[in-house]
Protein backbone atom coordinates (compact mmCIF):
# COMPACT_ATOMS: atom_id res chain seq x y z
CA MET A 1 -15.93 -3.86 7.57
CA ALA A 2 -15.88 -4.49 11.30
CA THR A 3 -15.79 -1.52 13.63
CA PRO A 4 -12.13 -0.82 14.52
CA THR A 5 -11.17 -1.61 18.09
CA PRO A 6 -9.99 1.35 20.18
CA ARG A 7 -6.23 1.82 20.19
CA ARG A 8 -3.87 3.72 22.41
CA HIS A 9 -1.90 5.17 19.51
CA LEU A 10 -2.86 8.12 17.37
CA ARG A 11 -5.84 8.02 15.08
CA ASN A 12 -6.33 10.80 12.56
CA PRO A 13 -7.34 13.97 14.43
CA LEU A 14 -9.45 14.97 11.43
CA ARG A 15 -11.88 12.20 12.35
CA ARG A 16 -12.12 13.27 15.98
CA ASN A 17 -12.85 16.96 15.61
CA PRO A 18 -15.75 18.98 14.21
CA ARG A 19 -15.74 19.90 10.53
CA LYS A 20 -16.96 22.77 8.40
CA HIS A 21 -17.79 22.76 4.70
CA LEU A 22 -16.28 25.52 2.61
CA ARG A 23 -18.57 27.62 0.48
CA GLY A 24 -17.99 29.95 -2.43
CA ARG A 25 -16.31 29.55 -5.79
CA LEU A 26 -12.55 29.13 -5.84
CA LEU A 27 -11.42 31.42 -3.03
CA LEU A 28 -12.78 29.83 0.14
CA THR A 29 -11.81 30.12 3.77
CA LEU A 30 -11.97 27.95 6.84
CA THR A 31 -11.21 29.44 10.23
CA VAL A 32 -9.85 27.03 12.81
CA GLY A 33 -12.36 26.19 15.50
CA ALA A 34 -15.59 26.51 13.51
CA ALA A 35 -18.00 23.67 14.35
CA ALA A 36 -20.28 21.46 12.29
CA SER A 37 -21.13 17.78 12.06
CA LEU A 38 -19.21 15.05 10.27
CA LEU A 39 -20.97 13.63 7.24
CA PRO A 40 -22.27 10.07 7.65
CA LEU A 41 -20.39 7.35 5.79
CA GLN A 42 -21.97 6.74 2.41
CA ALA A 43 -21.45 3.71 0.21
CA THR A 44 -19.42 4.57 -2.88
CA ALA A 45 -20.50 3.53 -6.31
CA ALA A 46 -18.78 0.70 -8.15
CA PRO A 47 -17.93 1.06 -11.84
CA THR A 48 -21.04 0.75 -13.96
CA ALA A 49 -21.63 0.07 -17.62
CA PRO A 50 -21.04 3.24 -19.66
CA PRO A 51 -24.24 5.01 -20.73
CA SER A 52 -25.24 4.88 -24.37
CA GLY A 53 -25.92 7.57 -26.96
CA ALA A 54 -26.09 11.21 -25.99
CA GLU A 55 -26.22 10.23 -22.30
CA ARG A 56 -22.49 9.54 -22.48
CA CYS A 57 -21.76 13.18 -23.24
CA THR A 58 -24.52 15.16 -21.55
CA GLY A 59 -25.99 13.00 -18.78
CA PRO A 60 -25.23 13.61 -15.10
CA VAL A 61 -21.86 12.43 -13.80
CA ARG A 62 -22.45 10.09 -10.89
CA PRO A 63 -19.78 9.27 -8.27
CA ALA A 64 -17.87 6.06 -9.01
CA SER A 65 -14.47 4.54 -8.26
CA GLN A 66 -13.68 4.33 -11.97
CA MET A 67 -14.69 6.63 -14.83
CA ARG A 68 -14.42 6.16 -18.56
CA ILE A 69 -13.40 9.19 -20.63
CA GLU A 70 -15.51 9.43 -23.76
CA PRO A 71 -14.28 11.07 -27.00
CA CYS A 72 -17.13 13.57 -26.69
CA ASP A 73 -16.24 14.66 -23.13
CA THR A 74 -15.37 18.33 -22.88
CA PRO A 75 -12.45 19.41 -20.68
CA ASP A 76 -14.91 20.64 -18.05
CA ARG A 77 -16.67 17.28 -18.04
CA VAL A 78 -13.37 15.43 -17.64
CA ILE A 79 -12.53 17.56 -14.61
CA GLU A 80 -16.02 16.95 -13.22
CA LYS A 81 -15.46 13.22 -13.61
CA ALA A 82 -12.16 13.50 -11.77
CA ALA A 83 -13.84 15.43 -8.95
CA LYS A 84 -16.50 12.72 -8.63
CA THR A 85 -14.12 9.77 -8.68
CA VAL A 86 -14.36 8.35 -5.16
CA PRO A 87 -12.95 5.39 -3.20
CA THR A 88 -14.59 2.01 -2.91
CA LYS A 89 -15.62 0.82 0.53
CA GLY A 90 -12.41 -1.19 0.80
CA GLN A 91 -10.22 1.69 -0.36
CA TYR A 92 -11.83 4.14 2.05
CA ALA A 93 -11.24 1.77 4.99
CA TRP A 94 -7.66 1.18 3.81
CA GLN A 95 -6.88 4.90 3.71
CA GLN A 96 -7.90 5.30 7.34
CA ARG A 97 -5.11 2.89 8.30
CA GLU A 98 -2.24 5.29 7.88
CA VAL A 99 0.67 3.03 8.91
CA THR A 100 1.13 -0.61 7.90
CA ALA A 101 3.98 -2.72 9.27
CA PHE A 102 5.57 -4.89 6.58
CA THR A 103 7.12 -8.21 7.62
CA HIS A 104 9.80 -9.65 5.34
CA PHE A 105 10.58 -13.06 6.83
CA GLY A 106 11.36 -16.23 4.91
CA MET A 107 14.12 -18.21 3.27
CA ASN A 108 16.20 -15.06 2.74
CA THR A 109 16.27 -14.52 6.51
CA PHE A 110 18.25 -17.75 6.86
CA THR A 111 20.49 -17.36 3.78
CA ASN A 112 21.28 -13.72 4.69
CA ARG A 113 20.12 -12.52 1.27
CA GLU A 114 17.73 -10.04 -0.25
CA TRP A 115 16.86 -12.05 -3.38
CA GLY A 116 16.64 -15.84 -3.39
CA SER A 117 17.11 -18.25 -6.28
CA GLY A 118 14.33 -20.79 -5.79
CA ALA A 119 16.90 -23.61 -5.62
CA GLU A 120 17.61 -23.28 -1.88
CA ASP A 121 17.59 -26.38 0.29
CA ARG A 122 14.39 -26.31 2.35
CA SER A 123 16.28 -27.57 5.39
CA LEU A 124 17.85 -24.10 5.68
CA PHE A 125 14.55 -22.73 6.95
CA ASP A 126 14.89 -23.76 10.58
CA PRO A 127 13.82 -21.16 13.16
CA GLU A 128 13.83 -22.63 16.65
CA HIS A 129 11.07 -20.31 17.81
CA ILE A 130 9.01 -17.46 16.33
CA ASP A 131 7.49 -14.94 18.73
CA PHE A 132 4.57 -13.62 16.67
CA ASP A 133 3.10 -11.77 19.65
CA GLN A 134 6.36 -9.87 20.12
CA TRP A 135 6.20 -8.78 16.50
CA MET A 136 2.70 -7.41 16.99
CA ARG A 137 3.64 -5.56 20.17
CA ALA A 138 6.50 -3.86 18.33
CA TYR A 139 4.27 -2.93 15.38
CA LYS A 140 1.54 -1.51 17.61
CA ALA A 141 4.09 0.48 19.58
CA ALA A 142 5.06 2.16 16.30
CA GLY A 143 1.43 3.11 15.67
CA ALA A 144 0.68 0.54 12.97
CA GLU A 145 -3.00 -0.26 12.41
CA GLN A 146 -2.32 -2.96 9.82
CA VAL A 147 0.40 -5.56 9.25
CA MET A 148 1.43 -7.45 6.13
CA LEU A 149 3.46 -10.65 5.72
CA THR A 150 5.51 -11.85 2.74
CA ALA A 151 3.72 -15.19 2.34
CA LYS A 152 5.84 -15.91 -0.77
CA HIS A 153 8.79 -13.86 -1.99
CA HIS A 154 10.54 -14.13 -5.38
CA ASP A 155 12.29 -17.37 -4.36
CA GLY A 156 8.90 -19.11 -4.31
CA PHE A 157 9.19 -20.58 -0.80
CA ALA A 158 5.65 -20.55 0.64
CA LEU A 159 5.12 -19.80 4.34
CA TRP A 160 1.90 -21.80 4.48
CA PRO A 161 1.28 -25.51 3.70
CA THR A 162 0.12 -24.96 0.12
CA ARG A 163 -1.27 -27.88 -1.85
CA TYR A 164 0.44 -26.82 -5.08
CA THR A 165 4.18 -27.11 -4.46
CA GLU A 166 6.58 -29.06 -2.27
CA HIS A 167 8.61 -25.89 -1.76
CA SER A 168 6.85 -24.72 1.38
CA VAL A 169 7.22 -24.44 5.13
CA ALA A 170 5.43 -27.78 5.46
CA ASN A 171 8.55 -29.52 4.15
CA SER A 172 11.03 -27.54 6.25
CA PRO A 173 12.37 -28.42 9.70
CA TYR A 174 10.02 -25.77 11.17
CA GLY A 175 7.00 -27.43 9.58
CA ARG A 176 4.30 -25.11 10.89
CA ASP A 177 1.92 -22.68 9.19
CA ILE A 178 3.54 -19.26 9.53
CA VAL A 179 0.84 -17.39 7.60
CA GLY A 180 -1.90 -18.77 9.84
CA ARG A 181 -0.04 -18.06 13.09
CA TYR A 182 0.87 -14.54 11.91
CA ILE A 183 -2.72 -13.69 10.99
CA ARG A 184 -4.11 -15.05 14.25
CA ALA A 185 -1.57 -13.03 16.26
CA ALA A 186 -2.40 -9.88 14.29
CA ARG A 187 -6.13 -10.21 14.81
CA LYS A 188 -5.66 -10.97 18.49
CA ALA A 189 -3.71 -7.71 18.72
CA GLY A 190 -6.54 -5.80 17.03
CA LEU A 191 -4.62 -5.23 13.81
CA LYS A 192 -5.90 -5.47 10.26
CA VAL A 193 -3.84 -7.84 8.15
CA GLY A 194 -2.64 -8.17 4.56
CA VAL A 195 -0.59 -10.68 2.59
CA TYR A 196 2.22 -10.21 0.05
CA LEU A 197 2.27 -12.87 -2.68
CA SER A 198 5.00 -12.31 -5.26
CA PRO A 199 4.00 -13.22 -8.82
CA ALA A 200 7.70 -13.87 -9.53
CA ASP A 201 8.77 -17.39 -8.51
CA GLY A 202 12.33 -18.71 -8.90
CA ALA A 203 11.33 -22.15 -7.67
CA GLU A 204 9.10 -22.51 -10.75
CA LEU A 205 11.74 -21.69 -13.38
CA PRO A 206 11.84 -24.39 -16.12
CA HIS A 207 14.53 -26.93 -15.27
CA ALA A 208 16.05 -27.33 -18.75
CA TRP A 209 16.29 -23.58 -19.27
CA HIS A 210 17.76 -23.14 -15.77
CA LYS A 211 20.51 -25.70 -16.43
CA LYS A 212 21.62 -23.90 -19.59
CA TRP A 213 21.43 -20.55 -17.83
CA LEU A 214 23.76 -21.78 -15.08
CA GLU A 215 26.23 -22.87 -17.75
CA ARG A 216 26.15 -19.39 -19.28
CA ILE A 217 26.64 -17.76 -15.89
CA ALA A 218 29.59 -20.04 -15.09
CA ALA A 219 31.20 -19.16 -18.42
CA LYS A 220 30.63 -15.48 -17.74
CA GLN A 221 32.31 -15.76 -14.35
CA GLU A 222 35.21 -17.72 -15.85
CA ALA A 223 35.71 -14.91 -18.34
CA GLY A 224 36.03 -12.44 -15.48
CA GLU A 225 32.76 -10.65 -16.21
CA GLN A 226 30.76 -9.14 -13.36
CA LEU A 227 27.68 -11.07 -12.28
CA SER A 228 24.37 -9.54 -11.23
CA THR A 229 22.89 -10.35 -7.83
CA VAL A 230 20.39 -12.70 -9.47
CA GLU A 231 23.15 -14.49 -11.38
CA ARG A 232 25.47 -14.76 -8.40
CA THR A 233 22.75 -16.20 -6.19
CA ALA A 234 21.72 -18.73 -8.83
CA LEU A 235 25.31 -19.88 -9.31
CA GLU A 236 25.86 -20.25 -5.57
CA ASP A 237 22.80 -22.47 -5.17
CA GLY A 238 23.10 -24.46 -8.37
CA GLY A 239 19.97 -26.33 -9.33
CA PRO A 240 17.50 -27.51 -10.18
CA PRO A 241 14.78 -25.13 -8.97
CA GLN A 242 12.57 -26.65 -6.27
CA GLY A 243 9.26 -26.38 -8.17
CA ARG A 244 7.65 -27.91 -11.26
CA GLY A 245 8.86 -25.58 -14.00
CA ARG A 246 5.68 -23.57 -14.52
CA TYR A 247 7.12 -20.03 -14.64
CA GLY A 248 7.58 -18.73 -18.19
CA ASN A 249 7.32 -22.21 -19.69
CA GLY A 250 5.40 -21.03 -22.76
CA SER A 251 2.24 -23.02 -21.99
CA GLU A 252 -0.93 -22.01 -23.81
CA PRO A 253 -3.84 -20.53 -21.84
CA GLN A 254 -6.68 -22.95 -21.17
CA MET A 255 -10.09 -22.52 -19.56
CA ARG A 256 -9.75 -23.86 -16.03
CA THR A 257 -11.97 -24.18 -12.97
CA PHE A 258 -10.71 -22.92 -9.61
CA PRO A 259 -9.79 -24.16 -7.15
CA THR A 260 -7.80 -26.89 -8.83
CA LEU A 261 -8.59 -29.84 -6.57
CA VAL A 262 -5.69 -32.17 -5.78
CA PRO A 263 -5.96 -35.90 -4.92
CA GLY A 264 -7.60 -36.26 -1.51
CA ASP A 265 -8.41 -32.54 -1.38
CA ASP A 266 -10.16 -31.77 1.92
CA ARG A 267 -12.15 -28.97 0.23
CA ALA A 268 -13.89 -31.13 -2.36
CA ASP A 269 -17.19 -31.53 -0.48
CA ASP A 270 -17.39 -27.83 0.40
CA VAL A 271 -16.69 -26.81 -3.19
CA ALA A 272 -19.27 -29.24 -4.56
CA ALA A 273 -21.89 -28.02 -2.07
CA GLY A 274 -21.22 -24.36 -2.81
CA ARG A 275 -19.84 -23.61 0.65
CA LEU A 276 -16.58 -22.60 -1.02
CA PRO A 277 -16.61 -20.49 -4.20
CA ARG A 278 -15.71 -21.62 -7.70
CA PHE A 279 -14.80 -19.57 -10.75
CA ARG A 280 -13.36 -20.14 -14.21
CA ALA A 281 -10.47 -18.38 -15.94
CA LYS A 282 -8.51 -18.86 -19.16
CA VAL A 283 -4.88 -18.88 -18.04
CA ASN A 284 -1.56 -20.67 -18.63
CA ASP A 285 0.18 -23.08 -16.25
CA TYR A 286 1.83 -20.53 -14.00
CA ASP A 287 -1.11 -18.14 -13.79
CA ALA A 288 -3.24 -21.13 -12.76
CA TYR A 289 -0.70 -21.97 -10.04
CA TYR A 290 -0.74 -18.38 -8.86
CA LEU A 291 -4.55 -18.16 -8.75
CA ASP A 292 -4.71 -21.43 -6.84
CA GLN A 293 -2.40 -19.96 -4.21
CA VAL A 294 -4.46 -16.76 -4.07
CA TYR A 295 -7.52 -18.97 -3.56
CA GLU A 296 -5.88 -20.75 -0.62
CA LEU A 297 -4.83 -17.52 1.08
CA VAL A 298 -8.18 -15.77 0.65
CA THR A 299 -10.45 -18.69 1.58
CA GLN A 300 -8.31 -20.09 4.41
CA TYR A 301 -7.13 -16.87 6.06
CA GLY A 302 -9.48 -14.13 4.82
CA PRO A 303 -11.01 -11.72 4.73
CA LEU A 304 -7.75 -9.96 3.92
CA ASP A 305 -7.42 -6.21 4.28
CA GLU A 306 -4.84 -5.89 1.50
CA LEU A 307 -3.31 -8.22 -1.09
CA TRP A 308 0.11 -7.12 -2.32
CA LEU A 309 1.22 -8.20 -5.81
CA ASP A 310 4.82 -7.24 -6.46
CA GLY A 311 5.76 -6.25 -10.01
CA ALA A 312 9.32 -7.66 -9.95
CA ASN A 313 10.54 -9.76 -12.88
CA PRO A 314 14.08 -10.85 -11.89
CA TRP A 315 14.90 -13.10 -14.86
CA ARG A 316 13.81 -10.88 -17.74
CA ASP A 317 17.40 -9.97 -18.60
CA ALA A 318 18.29 -13.67 -18.58
CA GLY A 319 15.78 -14.30 -21.34
CA ILE A 320 12.79 -15.71 -19.51
CA THR A 321 9.65 -14.00 -18.30
CA GLN A 322 6.11 -14.86 -17.36
CA GLU A 323 3.45 -13.18 -19.48
CA TYR A 324 0.80 -12.71 -16.82
CA ASN A 325 -2.82 -12.50 -17.87
CA TRP A 326 -3.59 -9.68 -15.47
CA LYS A 327 -7.16 -9.30 -16.62
CA GLU A 328 -7.97 -12.89 -15.65
CA ILE A 329 -5.90 -12.73 -12.46
CA PHE A 330 -7.61 -9.54 -11.28
CA ARG A 331 -11.02 -10.92 -12.23
CA GLY A 332 -10.34 -14.08 -10.23
CA ILE A 333 -9.21 -12.09 -7.21
CA HIS A 334 -12.32 -9.93 -7.42
CA GLU A 335 -14.49 -13.06 -7.51
CA LEU A 336 -12.89 -14.20 -4.26
CA ALA A 337 -12.33 -10.92 -2.42
CA PRO A 338 -14.27 -8.00 -3.94
CA ASP A 339 -13.65 -5.68 -0.97
CA THR A 340 -9.91 -6.36 -0.61
CA PRO A 341 -7.69 -3.56 -2.00
CA VAL A 342 -5.08 -5.09 -4.29
CA PHE A 343 -1.68 -3.45 -4.60
CA GLY A 344 -1.21 -2.97 -8.34
CA GLY A 345 -4.81 -3.96 -9.07
CA PRO A 346 -7.75 -1.95 -10.46
CA GLN A 347 -9.40 0.35 -7.90
CA GLY A 348 -6.80 -0.89 -5.46
CA VAL A 349 -3.58 0.63 -4.17
CA ARG A 350 -0.61 1.96 -6.14
CA TRP A 351 3.12 2.20 -5.57
CA VAL A 352 4.20 5.74 -4.71
CA GLY A 353 7.11 5.42 -7.15
CA ASN A 354 10.12 4.96 -4.83
CA GLU A 355 11.21 2.78 -1.92
CA ASN A 356 12.19 5.70 0.30
CA GLY A 357 8.82 6.12 2.05
CA ILE A 358 8.32 9.60 0.57
CA ALA A 359 5.24 10.79 -1.31
CA ARG A 360 5.07 13.65 -3.80
CA GLU A 361 4.36 17.19 -2.63
CA THR A 362 1.41 16.97 -5.04
CA GLU A 363 -0.07 13.48 -4.56
CA TRP A 364 -3.34 12.65 -6.27
CA SER A 365 -5.50 9.67 -5.38
CA VAL A 366 -7.33 10.09 -8.70
CA THR A 367 -5.12 8.95 -11.57
CA PRO A 368 -5.55 8.98 -15.38
CA HIS A 369 -4.94 5.84 -17.44
CA THR A 370 -4.38 5.26 -21.14
CA VAL A 371 -5.65 1.65 -20.95
CA ASP A 372 -8.26 -0.23 -18.96
CA PRO A 373 -6.67 -0.57 -15.46
CA SER A 374 -8.10 -4.07 -15.10
CA THR A 375 -5.87 -5.36 -17.90
CA VAL A 376 -2.39 -4.38 -16.65
CA HIS A 377 -0.43 -4.39 -13.40
CA ALA A 378 -0.16 -0.96 -11.74
CA GLY A 379 -2.82 0.44 -14.05
CA GLY A 380 -0.33 1.12 -16.83
CA LEU A 381 0.83 4.33 -15.16
CA PRO A 382 3.74 6.03 -16.96
CA ASN A 383 7.28 4.92 -16.10
CA ASP A 384 6.06 2.40 -13.53
CA SER A 385 4.42 5.08 -11.34
CA THR A 386 7.65 7.07 -10.95
CA ASP A 387 6.66 10.22 -12.86
CA PRO A 388 6.73 13.42 -10.78
CA ASP A 389 3.29 14.36 -12.12
CA ILE A 390 0.77 11.57 -11.85
CA GLY A 391 -2.62 13.30 -11.71
CA SER A 392 -2.59 17.00 -12.67
CA ARG A 393 -5.16 18.65 -14.95
CA GLU A 394 -2.63 18.43 -17.75
CA ARG A 395 -2.49 14.65 -17.27
CA LEU A 396 -6.26 14.34 -16.99
CA LEU A 397 -6.85 16.31 -20.19
CA ASP A 398 -4.19 14.56 -22.26
CA PRO A 399 -5.84 13.04 -25.37
CA SER A 400 -4.40 9.63 -24.44
CA THR A 401 -6.39 9.43 -21.18
CA LYS A 402 -9.17 6.85 -21.47
CA TYR A 403 -9.97 6.04 -17.82
CA LEU A 404 -9.87 7.63 -14.38
CA GLN A 405 -9.82 5.66 -11.15
CA TRP A 406 -9.39 6.14 -7.43
CA TYR A 407 -5.87 4.81 -6.87
CA PRO A 408 -4.26 5.98 -3.60
CA ALA A 409 -0.52 5.85 -2.99
CA GLU A 410 1.35 3.53 -0.66
CA ALA A 411 4.87 4.65 0.31
CA ASP A 412 7.04 1.64 1.12
CA VAL A 413 10.35 1.79 2.98
CA SER A 414 12.37 -0.53 5.17
CA ASN A 415 13.36 0.23 8.74
CA ARG A 416 16.79 -1.19 7.84
CA PRO A 417 18.94 -0.87 4.70
CA GLY A 418 17.67 -4.26 3.48
CA TRP A 419 14.17 -5.67 3.36
CA TYR A 420 15.27 -8.80 5.22
CA HIS A 421 17.12 -8.83 8.54
CA HIS A 422 20.90 -8.78 8.32
CA PRO A 423 22.80 -8.75 11.66
CA GLU A 424 25.30 -6.10 10.59
CA GLU A 425 22.61 -3.53 9.70
CA ARG A 426 21.04 -1.00 12.03
CA PRO A 427 17.49 0.42 12.14
CA LYS A 428 16.35 3.94 11.40
CA THR A 429 16.06 6.29 14.35
CA ALA A 430 12.74 7.54 15.69
CA ALA A 431 13.54 11.00 14.31
CA GLN A 432 14.08 9.55 10.83
CA LEU A 433 10.81 7.62 11.07
CA MET A 434 8.96 10.75 12.16
CA GLU A 435 10.24 12.60 9.11
CA LEU A 436 9.06 9.75 6.88
CA TYR A 437 5.65 9.80 8.56
CA GLU A 438 5.22 13.48 7.78
CA LYS A 439 6.38 12.97 4.17
CA SER A 440 4.11 9.98 3.50
CA VAL A 441 1.01 10.08 5.69
CA GLY A 442 1.35 13.86 5.68
CA ARG A 443 1.26 13.91 1.87
CA ASN A 444 -1.85 11.85 1.17
CA ALA A 445 -0.18 8.41 1.19
CA SER A 446 -0.08 5.40 3.49
CA LEU A 447 3.26 4.51 5.09
CA LEU A 448 4.27 0.88 4.55
CA LEU A 449 7.12 0.42 7.03
CA ASN A 450 9.07 -2.82 6.79
CA VAL A 451 10.38 -4.17 10.11
CA PRO A 452 12.12 -7.53 9.49
CA PRO A 453 12.42 -10.09 12.30
CA ALA A 454 15.78 -11.78 12.90
CA ARG A 455 16.69 -15.47 12.58
CA ASN A 456 15.89 -15.97 16.28
CA GLY A 457 12.23 -15.25 15.50
CA ARG A 458 12.16 -11.87 17.25
CA ILE A 459 12.41 -8.23 16.23
CA ASP A 460 15.71 -6.83 17.48
CA ALA A 461 15.71 -4.74 20.64
CA ALA A 462 17.25 -1.82 18.74
CA ASP A 463 14.32 -1.78 16.31
CA VAL A 464 11.79 -2.04 19.13
CA ARG A 465 13.38 0.90 20.95
CA GLU A 466 13.23 3.20 17.93
CA LEU A 467 9.77 2.05 16.86
CA THR A 468 8.41 2.68 20.35
CA ALA A 469 9.96 6.14 20.49
CA PHE A 470 8.56 6.90 17.02
CA GLY A 471 5.05 5.89 18.02
CA ARG A 472 5.32 7.92 21.22
CA SER A 473 6.49 10.95 19.24
CA VAL A 474 3.59 10.73 16.76
CA ARG A 475 1.12 10.57 19.63
CA ALA A 476 2.79 13.45 21.47
CA VAL A 477 2.78 15.72 18.43
CA TYR A 478 -0.39 14.77 16.55
CA GLY A 479 -2.53 13.24 19.28
CA THR A 480 -3.72 16.64 20.53
CA ASP A 481 -4.39 19.99 18.93
CA VAL A 482 -2.43 22.72 20.76
CA ARG A 483 -5.70 24.67 21.10
CA ALA A 484 -6.96 22.04 23.53
CA LYS A 485 -4.81 23.64 26.22
CA GLY A 486 -7.09 26.69 26.43
CA ALA A 487 -7.46 30.17 24.99
CA GLY A 488 -4.88 31.48 22.55
CA PRO A 489 -2.58 32.64 21.37
CA TYR A 490 -1.26 29.24 20.28
CA THR A 491 2.28 28.27 19.34
CA PHE A 492 2.66 25.64 16.63
CA ASP A 493 4.94 24.55 13.80
CA ARG A 494 2.78 21.86 12.19
CA ILE A 495 -0.59 22.28 10.45
CA ALA A 496 -2.75 19.28 9.56
CA LEU A 497 -5.83 19.22 7.36
CA GLY A 498 -7.71 16.77 5.18
CA GLU A 499 -10.58 16.35 2.75
CA ASP A 500 -13.60 14.12 3.20
CA ILE A 501 -12.42 11.71 0.53
CA ARG A 502 -15.83 10.01 0.45
CA LYS A 503 -16.69 13.05 -1.70
CA GLY A 504 -13.51 12.71 -3.76
CA GLN A 505 -10.23 14.62 -3.84
CA ARG A 506 -10.72 18.11 -5.16
CA VAL A 507 -8.36 20.74 -3.70
CA GLU A 508 -5.63 21.84 -6.12
CA GLY A 509 -4.18 24.76 -4.18
CA PHE A 510 -4.48 26.43 -0.77
CA THR A 511 -2.77 28.83 1.58
CA VAL A 512 -2.73 29.00 5.37
CA GLU A 513 -2.90 32.38 7.07
CA ALA A 514 -2.57 33.48 10.69
CA ARG A 515 -3.20 36.61 12.71
CA THR A 516 -1.56 37.39 15.97
CA ASP A 517 -4.01 39.95 17.39
CA GLU A 518 -7.76 39.82 17.60
CA GLY A 519 -9.07 42.04 14.81
CA GLY A 520 -5.58 42.34 13.31
CA GLY A 521 -4.43 41.53 9.80
CA TRP A 522 -3.81 38.09 8.30
CA ARG A 523 -0.41 36.94 7.04
CA LYS A 524 0.43 33.90 4.92
CA ILE A 525 2.42 31.26 6.79
CA ALA A 526 2.18 28.23 4.47
CA SER A 527 0.78 26.95 1.20
CA GLY A 528 0.25 23.70 -0.63
CA THR A 529 -1.33 22.01 -3.62
CA THR A 530 -3.15 18.74 -2.94
CA VAL A 531 -4.72 17.79 0.39
CA GLY A 532 -6.45 14.42 0.06
CA HIS A 533 -6.92 12.15 3.06
CA ARG A 534 -4.35 14.03 5.10
CA ARG A 535 -1.88 16.87 4.60
CA ILE A 536 0.73 17.96 7.13
CA LEU A 537 2.59 21.23 6.61
CA ALA A 538 5.87 21.59 8.53
CA LEU A 539 6.71 25.25 9.19
CA PRO A 540 10.38 26.31 9.19
CA GLU A 541 9.92 27.80 12.67
CA PRO A 542 7.14 28.02 15.28
CA VAL A 543 4.36 30.57 14.85
CA THR A 544 2.31 32.10 17.65
CA ALA A 545 -1.18 33.20 16.58
CA ARG A 546 -4.72 33.71 17.85
CA ASP A 547 -6.47 32.59 14.66
CA VAL A 548 -5.61 30.48 11.65
CA ARG A 549 -7.53 30.04 8.41
CA VAL A 550 -7.21 28.10 5.18
CA ARG A 551 -7.91 29.78 1.85
CA ILE A 552 -8.70 27.45 -1.06
CA THR A 553 -7.15 29.00 -4.16
CA ALA A 554 -7.94 26.25 -6.69
CA SER A 555 -10.34 23.31 -6.65
CA ARG A 556 -11.88 20.89 -9.17
CA ALA A 557 -15.29 21.25 -7.52
CA LYS A 558 -16.73 22.27 -4.18
CA PRO A 559 -14.17 21.11 -1.61
CA HIS A 560 -15.14 19.22 1.55
CA LEU A 561 -12.51 19.90 4.19
CA GLY A 562 -12.29 18.59 7.71
CA PRO A 563 -11.02 20.73 10.58
CA VAL A 564 -7.58 22.27 10.58
CA THR A 565 -5.48 21.14 13.55
CA LEU A 566 -2.36 22.78 14.97
CA HIS A 567 0.59 20.95 16.48
CA LEU A 568 4.02 21.56 17.98
CA SER A 569 6.83 19.21 17.02
CA GLY A 570 9.13 17.52 19.51
CA ALA A 571 12.08 19.51 18.20
CA ALA A 572 10.26 22.79 18.87
CA ARG A 573 9.44 21.58 22.39
CA GLY A 574 13.05 20.83 23.05
CA GLY A 575 13.18 17.21 21.86
CA ALA A 576 10.07 15.82 23.51
CA GLY A 577 9.24 12.38 22.17
CA GLY A 578 12.68 11.96 20.62
CA GLY A 579 14.20 8.70 19.50
CA ARG A 580 16.81 7.95 22.16
């Protein structure tokens, strides 16, 4: 990974201050202000072939991003494996980028919808001008270190000139490559960049099935029955879908070579000479189409810093679905982009379980799996990642657990009620965004904040105002430890701490104590369970103290904590850094 460029907005204080390792058994302490050196970055181990024979049960447990649970593993060995499950290089870099700005912009922006049908007239996509640089300025003002664009949403309209469908920006009045211009603007602004590519694709619904479905919907409406959003949108647009009928068409998997070269393909010489990669996969028609689009995005615009694969399946209730071969899709992506974290992919990034931007109070980056995570979307986590408990000892030690992997949470939320821009909606305030920051980034998750541009190709002034105030507030509160102002006592109402996740995530319980007088007694002021990359504790009221310490009450192995930092919120300072 390239060295990040310096930024004016906040970077994690835990990476800027001295650290101290905790020593002892389970009850450990760290007093604020103790100094030591930060460990050098170490490469993390990739999954390796499981050892054979007795080695599987008694040999040393080596750090890796994925672990296999053997039938002979004792409970203690399972916990040791969990403690030594660590991020890949790509995951570690991803977790340092605490805020990502999500950009939902596409056909739905111009139809004023949230979900498209795939039968929209391409002439509807007609922005007169798109100010990509203005988008990036707004995202950076909010403190984002990464941005992500919906290159293709569920309607199947592609924002780049793909070779594999007519339903793309190339055949719209706008006609230009939005993905390319977006990525160039992001990199010019010093931002990392990801791409969202929905596996669902309404434009590729089979035409004969779609015609009969429309007839059923029309009859349902005639009978006075209520239509779903998907049905209503389909009926409004009519048909046929704009693609070639590849989604859920029942085609048999075949061994195919990627990329699929088209007549006159400008990549043919580079592929033949080995300057562009090739790989083979046994997939059906639609999975082949999807992998070809992944290939275009990765090879033409990469390296990508995240690839987002949505799990939506809008037409399941209508009787059609695409049976994705996730194992082959993930293997193909890994061939092309081994260091890119994939949302929903093995050793990638997982959904936090809601679209409110809020992580669990106990959020584990190490998750247990009942099946091989490389064979299913979202790792096969229970109830589509929505369970309150996703990584406790009880989960780890359940007899059904077969694998462990490093799988950090991403908390997605939109700055507006919808994911796409709708003129009548209003953005969240800076104060609301600050609360989300503390309940996502402050709970060992990344905040994925959607900020949708309007039809005029710009982010609304109201959004920019609140985003800027939010970024200013984060910097004002978390940019400096209150102890930097001189000798104590110090007044604070926020406590931030974090583990060196290169060594894994290990802390299961801790308390924070303070003492007001030198040599006086300690009193408990806060407590928590998991720490992970970053944990922020919001106190109910400000505390004034000379010393603060953290006591580790439960841990899966020797914990590796960074420094504890103390902060005073804008509300406690009388509204400093507020939203308006």
